C-alpha cells in the first residue's frame, strides 16, 4: 500500500468510526496499564507468563472464532507472523532488559516508541501530523518520562540492558505497524489470534533456553493469568488492533504514553505505593495532552492554506502535497 493511497483512505474515515477508534485505543492502553500490577501477583517467570498468557488467549480466540465459523488458516498465520514475531521479541527483549538495567531505563527507552512510529506513519503511511498535535505529543512524552523518573527506586543500569530495551522499543513499534498493515488483509480479531499464537511459540523455546521455570501454573496463578488475559488481552490487544484500523497510527502509538500513568495510579490505589506531587502534576499533563490530541482528531480540519487564484490552484495543490505534514 502506497503512502498516497493510505492518505486517501484516512481522508475517507467515517467520523463516527474515528471517534469509536479513539475511545477503543483509550480503553486499550488503560487495560494494558494493569499488566504491571497483575505481574506482581503472579509467582511465575516472565517468559512463562508470556507462554501461558498468549497460548491460552489464542485457544480462547480460536474457540470464539470457530463459533462464528471463522477458521484459523495457514494464510491467517502467515499474515500475522510479522506481528507475532514483533510482539514476541518485545516481551523477550523487555523482560531480559529489566534483568540487566533499571526498570526506569527500560521504561523510558520504551516510551520513545511514539517518535519512531510517528516518523514511520508520516513517511510510509502518509499520515499528516499537525504542529499543535506534535507539540501535545512531545509534552505527553516528556511528562510520561517525569512520571517514570520520579518513581525511580533503583539505579542498577548497564549498556547491555539498555540495548535490550532499545530492541524492545523497536519490536513494540513493529507490532503497531504490522497491525496497521494488516488492514484489509485479515480482520483485527484474526490478527490478534495469529499474533497470540506466534508470541507463545516464540516465548516457549526462549524461556527454556534461558532456564526459566515453565512449569504448569498453580490455581492462584491461573486466576491472575485469566484476569490478565481478560484485561491486557481481550480489552488491550483486541481493542487496540481494532482501533488501529480506524485512527492514525501515530495517535494509537502516542496513547501508549498513558500506560506508565495508569500503572502508577493503580499501584497507588491497590498496592499503597506513594505518588509524589511531581508525579501527580506530570500525570495530569500526560492526560491533558492526550485529551488535546483527541480533540485535534475529532475537531474540524485546519485551514492553514490560504485561498489561491483559480489559475494557480493546480500548482498550489501540487506543492501542498510535498510539504512536511507538520507544517
Protein backbone atom coordinates (compact mmCIF):
# COMPACT_ATOMS: atom_id res chain seq x y z
CA UNK A 1 0.00 0.00 0.00
CA UNK A 2 1.45 3.35 -1.01
CA UNK A 3 1.53 6.45 1.14
CA UNK A 4 -0.84 8.29 -1.19
CA UNK A 5 -3.45 5.53 -1.10
CA UNK A 6 -3.18 5.35 2.68
CA UNK A 7 -3.65 9.08 2.96
CA UNK A 8 -6.70 8.86 0.74
CA UNK A 9 -8.17 6.16 2.94
CA UNK A 10 -7.56 8.33 6.03
CA UNK A 11 -9.39 11.20 4.40
CA UNK A 12 -12.42 8.96 3.87
CA UNK A 13 -12.55 7.82 7.50
CA UNK A 14 -16.06 7.97 8.94
CA UNK A 15 -16.06 10.49 11.84
CA UNK A 16 -18.10 8.05 13.92
CA UNK A 17 -15.60 5.26 13.24
CA UNK A 18 -12.78 7.65 14.16
CA UNK A 19 -14.45 8.52 17.47
CA UNK A 20 -15.03 4.85 18.25
CA UNK A 21 -11.42 4.08 17.39
CA UNK A 22 -10.13 6.79 19.71
CA UNK A 23 -12.33 5.50 22.54
CA UNK A 24 -11.16 1.95 21.86
CA UNK A 25 -7.49 2.94 21.94
CA UNK A 26 -8.02 4.80 25.23
CA UNK A 27 -9.61 1.72 26.78
CA UNK A 28 -6.84 -0.48 25.37
CA UNK A 29 -3.97 1.44 26.95
CA UNK A 30 -5.90 1.63 30.23
CA UNK A 31 -6.20 -2.16 30.16
CA UNK A 32 -2.51 -2.54 29.29
CA UNK A 33 -1.58 -0.46 32.33
CA UNK A 34 -2.94 -3.25 34.55
CA UNK A 35 -0.19 -5.60 33.36
CA UNK A 36 2.47 -4.33 35.79
CA UNK A 37 0.10 -4.65 38.74
CA UNK A 38 -1.09 -8.13 37.80
CA UNK A 39 2.50 -9.30 37.28
CA UNK A 40 3.17 -8.55 40.97
CA UNK A 41 0.58 -11.16 41.94
CA UNK A 42 1.90 -13.78 39.52
CA UNK A 43 4.55 -16.03 41.02
CA UNK A 44 5.93 -17.01 37.62
CA UNK A 45 8.94 -16.22 35.45
CA UNK A 46 8.35 -13.57 32.81
CA UNK A 47 8.51 -15.75 29.71
CA UNK A 48 6.36 -18.42 31.35
CA UNK A 49 3.72 -15.73 31.77
CA UNK A 50 4.10 -14.99 28.05
CA UNK A 51 3.64 -18.63 27.07
CA UNK A 52 0.59 -19.37 29.22
CA UNK A 53 -1.00 -15.95 28.77
CA UNK A 54 -0.79 -15.80 24.98
CA UNK A 55 -1.22 -19.54 24.47
CA UNK A 56 -4.44 -19.56 26.49
CA UNK A 57 -5.61 -16.36 24.81
CA UNK A 58 -5.09 -17.99 21.41
CA UNK A 59 -7.12 -21.05 22.42
CA UNK A 60 -9.97 -18.86 23.69
CA UNK A 61 -9.93 -16.80 20.49
CA UNK A 62 -9.86 -19.99 18.44
CA UNK A 63 -13.00 -21.27 20.20
CA UNK A 64 -14.72 -17.91 19.70
CA UNK A 65 -13.79 -17.78 16.02
CA UNK A 66 -14.91 -21.35 15.41
CA UNK A 67 -18.28 -20.49 16.95
CA UNK A 68 -18.51 -17.72 14.34
CA UNK A 69 -17.42 -20.14 11.59
CA UNK A 70 -14.04 -18.41 11.14
CA UNK A 71 -11.20 -20.84 10.50
CA UNK A 72 -7.56 -20.44 11.55
CA UNK A 73 -5.91 -20.92 8.16
CA UNK A 74 -2.32 -21.05 7.04
CA UNK A 75 -2.84 -17.69 5.33
CA UNK A 76 -4.05 -16.16 8.62
CA UNK A 77 -0.94 -17.37 10.43
CA UNK A 78 1.25 -16.15 7.56
CA UNK A 79 -0.29 -12.67 7.51
CA UNK A 80 0.05 -12.35 11.30
CA UNK A 81 3.57 -13.78 11.52
CA UNK A 82 5.42 -10.45 11.45
CA UNK A 83 3.16 -9.01 14.13
CA UNK A 84 3.58 -12.12 16.27
CA UNK A 85 7.36 -12.05 15.83
CA UNK A 86 7.43 -8.38 16.85
CA UNK A 87 5.24 -8.91 19.92
CA UNK A 88 7.19 -12.00 20.97
CA UNK A 89 10.52 -10.21 20.63
CA UNK A 90 9.15 -7.24 22.56
CA UNK A 91 8.34 -9.50 25.52
CA UNK A 92 11.68 -11.33 25.31
CA UNK A 93 13.74 -8.14 24.98
CA UNK A 94 11.89 -6.10 27.60
CA UNK A 95 11.89 -8.70 30.36
CA UNK A 96 15.51 -9.51 29.60
CA UNK A 97 16.30 -5.80 29.75
CA UNK A 98 14.83 -5.29 33.22
CA UNK A 99 17.19 -8.00 34.50
CA UNK A 100 20.23 -6.14 33.16
CA UNK A 101 19.26 -2.50 33.62
CA UNK A 102 16.87 -0.49 35.75
CA UNK A 103 13.11 -0.67 35.18
CA UNK A 104 13.24 3.12 34.86
CA UNK A 105 15.73 2.98 31.98
CA UNK A 106 13.80 0.21 30.24
CA UNK A 107 10.52 2.09 30.57
CA UNK A 108 11.96 5.42 29.45
CA UNK A 109 13.56 3.86 26.36
CA UNK A 110 10.28 2.11 25.58
CA UNK A 111 8.41 5.40 25.91
CA UNK A 112 10.31 6.73 22.89
CA UNK A 113 8.17 4.48 20.66
CA UNK A 114 5.75 7.26 19.54
CA UNK A 115 8.63 9.21 17.99
CA UNK A 116 9.73 6.26 15.84
CA UNK A 117 6.16 5.30 14.91
CA UNK A 118 5.29 8.92 14.18
CA UNK A 119 8.14 9.24 11.68
CA UNK A 120 7.18 5.94 10.01
CA UNK A 121 3.49 6.90 9.93
CA UNK A 122 4.38 10.17 8.20
CA UNK A 123 6.93 8.74 5.79
CA UNK A 124 5.31 5.46 4.75
CA UNK A 125 1.62 5.79 5.61
CA UNK A 126 1.11 9.38 4.51
CA UNK A 127 -0.28 10.47 7.88
CA UNK A 128 -0.35 14.20 8.47
CA UNK A 129 0.67 15.36 11.92
CA UNK A 130 -0.26 18.96 12.65
CA UNK A 131 2.17 21.16 14.51
CA UNK A 132 -0.15 21.53 17.50
CA UNK A 133 -0.66 17.76 17.74
CA UNK A 134 3.10 17.18 17.54
CA UNK A 135 3.56 19.68 20.39
CA UNK A 136 0.99 17.94 22.59
CA UNK A 137 2.57 14.56 21.80
CA UNK A 138 6.02 15.83 22.86
CA UNK A 139 4.54 17.26 26.07
CA UNK A 140 2.89 13.90 26.79
CA UNK A 141 6.22 12.15 26.15
CA UNK A 142 8.17 14.50 28.43
CA UNK A 143 5.54 14.21 31.17
CA UNK A 144 5.50 10.40 30.93
CA UNK A 145 9.27 10.39 31.37
CA UNK A 146 8.86 12.53 34.51
CA UNK A 147 6.30 10.05 35.87
CA UNK A 148 8.73 7.18 35.37
CA UNK A 149 11.82 9.01 36.62
CA UNK A 150 10.07 10.39 39.72
CA UNK A 151 9.07 6.88 40.73
CA UNK A 152 12.61 5.51 40.41
CA UNK A 153 13.71 3.31 43.27
CA UNK A 154 16.79 1.66 41.80
CA UNK A 155 19.93 2.70 39.96
CA UNK A 156 21.18 -0.59 38.51
CA UNK A 157 21.98 0.11 34.88
CA UNK A 158 24.09 -1.37 32.11
CA UNK A 159 24.55 -0.62 28.45
CA UNK A 160 23.67 -4.23 27.58
CA UNK A 161 20.32 -3.87 29.31
CA UNK A 162 19.71 -0.51 27.65
CA UNK A 163 20.38 -2.09 24.24
CA UNK A 164 17.86 -4.84 25.04
CA UNK A 165 15.34 -2.16 25.99
CA UNK A 166 16.04 -0.41 22.70
CA UNK A 167 15.39 -3.68 20.90
CA UNK A 168 12.09 -4.00 22.79
CA UNK A 169 11.13 -0.49 21.70
CA UNK A 170 11.78 -1.30 18.03
CA UNK A 171 9.84 -4.58 18.35
CA UNK A 172 6.87 -2.85 20.05
CA UNK A 173 6.84 -0.26 17.27
CA UNK A 174 6.93 -3.02 14.64
CA UNK A 175 3.90 -4.64 16.28
CA UNK A 176 1.86 -1.45 15.82
CA UNK A 177 2.99 -1.11 12.22
CA UNK A 178 2.18 -4.76 11.47
CA UNK A 179 -1.28 -4.30 12.97
CA UNK A 180 -1.92 -1.33 10.70
CA UNK A 181 -0.59 -3.11 7.61
CA UNK A 182 -2.99 -5.99 8.25
CA UNK A 183 -5.90 -3.65 7.42
CA UNK A 184 -7.90 -5.10 4.54
CA UNK A 185 -5.93 -8.37 4.63
CA UNK A 186 -7.22 -10.06 7.79
CA UNK A 187 -9.62 -8.82 10.46
CA UNK A 188 -8.36 -7.34 13.75
CA UNK A 189 -9.66 -10.42 15.57
CA UNK A 190 -7.76 -12.72 13.22
CA UNK A 191 -4.61 -10.63 13.59
CA UNK A 192 -4.91 -10.76 17.39
CA UNK A 193 -5.37 -14.54 17.31
CA UNK A 194 -2.45 -15.06 14.96
CA UNK A 195 -0.06 -12.84 16.90
CA UNK A 196 -1.04 -14.56 20.16
CA UNK A 197 -0.13 -17.92 18.62
CA UNK A 198 3.26 -16.72 17.38
CA UNK A 199 4.06 -14.92 20.65
CA UNK A 200 3.50 -18.09 22.69
CA UNK A 201 5.58 -20.09 20.19
CA UNK A 202 8.47 -17.61 20.48
CA UNK A 203 8.40 -17.29 24.29
CA UNK A 204 8.48 -21.07 24.91
CA UNK A 205 11.89 -22.01 23.44
CA UNK A 206 13.49 -18.75 24.57
CA UNK A 207 12.23 -19.30 28.11
CA UNK A 208 13.57 -22.86 28.15
CA UNK A 209 16.91 -21.70 26.74
CA UNK A 210 17.24 -19.04 29.42
CA UNK A 211 16.45 -21.58 32.13
CA UNK A 212 13.16 -20.03 33.23
CA UNK A 213 10.63 -22.14 35.11
CA UNK A 214 8.00 -23.06 32.51
CA UNK A 215 6.09 -25.49 34.73
CA UNK A 216 2.28 -25.63 34.90
CA UNK A 217 0.86 -22.64 36.83
CA UNK A 218 -0.77 -23.06 40.23
CA UNK A 219 -4.50 -22.46 40.67
CA UNK A 220 -3.83 -18.98 42.07
CA UNK A 221 -1.54 -18.13 39.18
CA UNK A 222 -4.19 -19.32 36.71
CA UNK A 223 -6.66 -16.95 38.34
CA UNK A 224 -4.39 -13.95 37.76
CA UNK A 225 -3.49 -15.19 34.27
CA UNK A 226 -7.16 -15.19 33.30
CA UNK A 227 -7.56 -11.69 34.74
CA UNK A 228 -4.54 -10.59 32.68
CA UNK A 229 -5.95 -12.27 29.57
CA UNK A 230 -9.28 -10.52 30.06
CA UNK A 231 -7.75 -7.08 30.64
CA UNK A 232 -4.50 -6.83 28.68
CA UNK A 233 -5.56 -9.43 26.11
CA UNK A 234 -9.26 -9.17 25.34
CA UNK A 235 -9.55 -5.46 26.09
CA UNK A 236 -5.98 -4.35 25.39
CA UNK A 237 -4.71 -6.16 22.30
CA UNK A 238 -8.09 -6.81 20.69
CA UNK A 239 -9.31 -3.22 21.08
CA UNK A 240 -6.02 -1.63 20.02
CA UNK A 241 -5.76 -3.79 16.89
CA UNK A 242 -9.38 -2.90 16.10
CA UNK A 243 -8.76 0.79 16.77
CA UNK A 244 -5.63 0.99 14.61
CA UNK A 245 -7.85 0.30 11.59
CA UNK A 246 -9.81 3.48 12.41
CA UNK A 247 -7.36 6.02 13.82
CA UNK A 248 -3.98 7.37 12.69
CA UNK A 249 -1.12 5.04 13.57
CA UNK A 250 0.80 7.80 15.36
CA UNK A 251 -2.19 8.56 17.60
CA UNK A 252 -2.51 4.94 18.72
CA UNK A 253 1.21 4.87 19.48
CA UNK A 254 1.09 8.15 21.41
CA UNK A 255 -1.76 6.79 23.53
CA UNK A 256 0.68 4.21 24.97
CA UNK A 257 2.25 7.05 26.97
CA UNK A 258 -0.70 6.66 29.32
CA UNK A 259 0.46 3.16 30.34
CA UNK A 260 3.03 4.28 32.99
CA UNK A 261 0.48 6.80 34.27
CA UNK A 262 -2.23 4.16 34.58
CA UNK A 263 0.19 1.72 36.22
CA UNK A 264 1.27 4.31 38.79
CA UNK A 265 -2.34 5.19 39.61
CA UNK A 266 -3.30 1.53 40.00
CA UNK A 267 -0.26 0.91 42.20
CA UNK A 268 -1.34 3.85 44.35
CA UNK A 269 -4.91 2.53 44.61
CA UNK A 270 -4.22 -1.18 45.17
CA UNK A 271 -0.63 -1.50 46.35
CA UNK A 272 -0.38 1.60 48.55
CA UNK A 273 2.56 2.88 46.53
CA UNK A 274 3.17 6.58 47.01
CA UNK A 275 2.58 9.14 44.26
CA UNK A 276 4.68 12.28 44.64
CA UNK A 277 3.43 15.76 43.84
CA UNK A 278 5.78 15.87 40.85
CA UNK A 279 4.35 12.62 39.55
CA UNK A 280 0.82 13.88 40.06
CA UNK A 281 1.48 17.02 38.02
CA UNK A 282 3.19 15.00 35.28
CA UNK A 283 0.29 12.52 35.17
CA UNK A 284 -2.16 15.36 34.76
CA UNK A 285 0.00 16.74 31.94
CA UNK A 286 0.02 13.39 30.13
CA UNK A 287 -3.74 13.01 30.40
CA UNK A 288 -4.36 16.63 29.39
CA UNK A 289 -2.06 16.33 26.37
CA UNK A 290 -3.78 13.16 25.18
CA UNK A 291 -7.16 14.86 25.58
CA UNK A 292 -5.96 17.72 23.38
CA UNK A 293 -4.73 15.25 20.75
CA UNK A 294 -8.15 13.57 20.74
CA UNK A 295 -9.82 16.97 20.33
CA UNK A 296 -7.48 17.69 17.44
CA UNK A 297 -8.55 14.48 15.70
CA UNK A 298 -12.28 14.98 16.17
CA UNK A 299 -12.36 18.73 15.55
CA UNK A 300 -12.55 20.45 12.17
CA UNK A 301 -9.56 20.14 9.89
CA UNK A 302 -7.25 23.15 9.91
CA UNK A 303 -7.42 25.55 7.01
CA UNK A 304 -3.86 26.82 7.08
CA UNK A 305 -3.50 27.04 3.28
CA UNK A 306 -4.63 30.49 2.03
CA UNK A 307 -7.02 30.79 -0.93
CA UNK A 308 -5.35 31.00 -4.32
CA UNK A 309 -6.37 32.27 -7.66
CA UNK A 310 -8.06 29.72 -9.87
CA UNK A 311 -5.28 29.89 -12.41
CA UNK A 312 -2.72 28.70 -9.85
CA UNK A 313 -4.89 26.23 -7.97
CA UNK A 314 -3.32 23.16 -9.55
CA UNK A 315 0.23 24.34 -8.88
CA UNK A 316 -0.60 25.16 -5.27
CA UNK A 317 -2.21 21.76 -4.75
CA UNK A 318 0.86 20.04 -6.17
CA UNK A 319 3.18 21.96 -3.87
CA UNK A 320 1.00 21.26 -0.82
CA UNK A 321 1.34 17.53 -1.40
CA UNK A 322 5.08 17.61 -0.85
CA UNK A 323 5.13 19.75 2.27
CA UNK A 324 6.08 18.21 5.58
CA UNK A 325 2.81 17.24 7.27
CA UNK A 326 3.66 19.06 10.50
CA UNK A 327 3.94 22.40 8.74
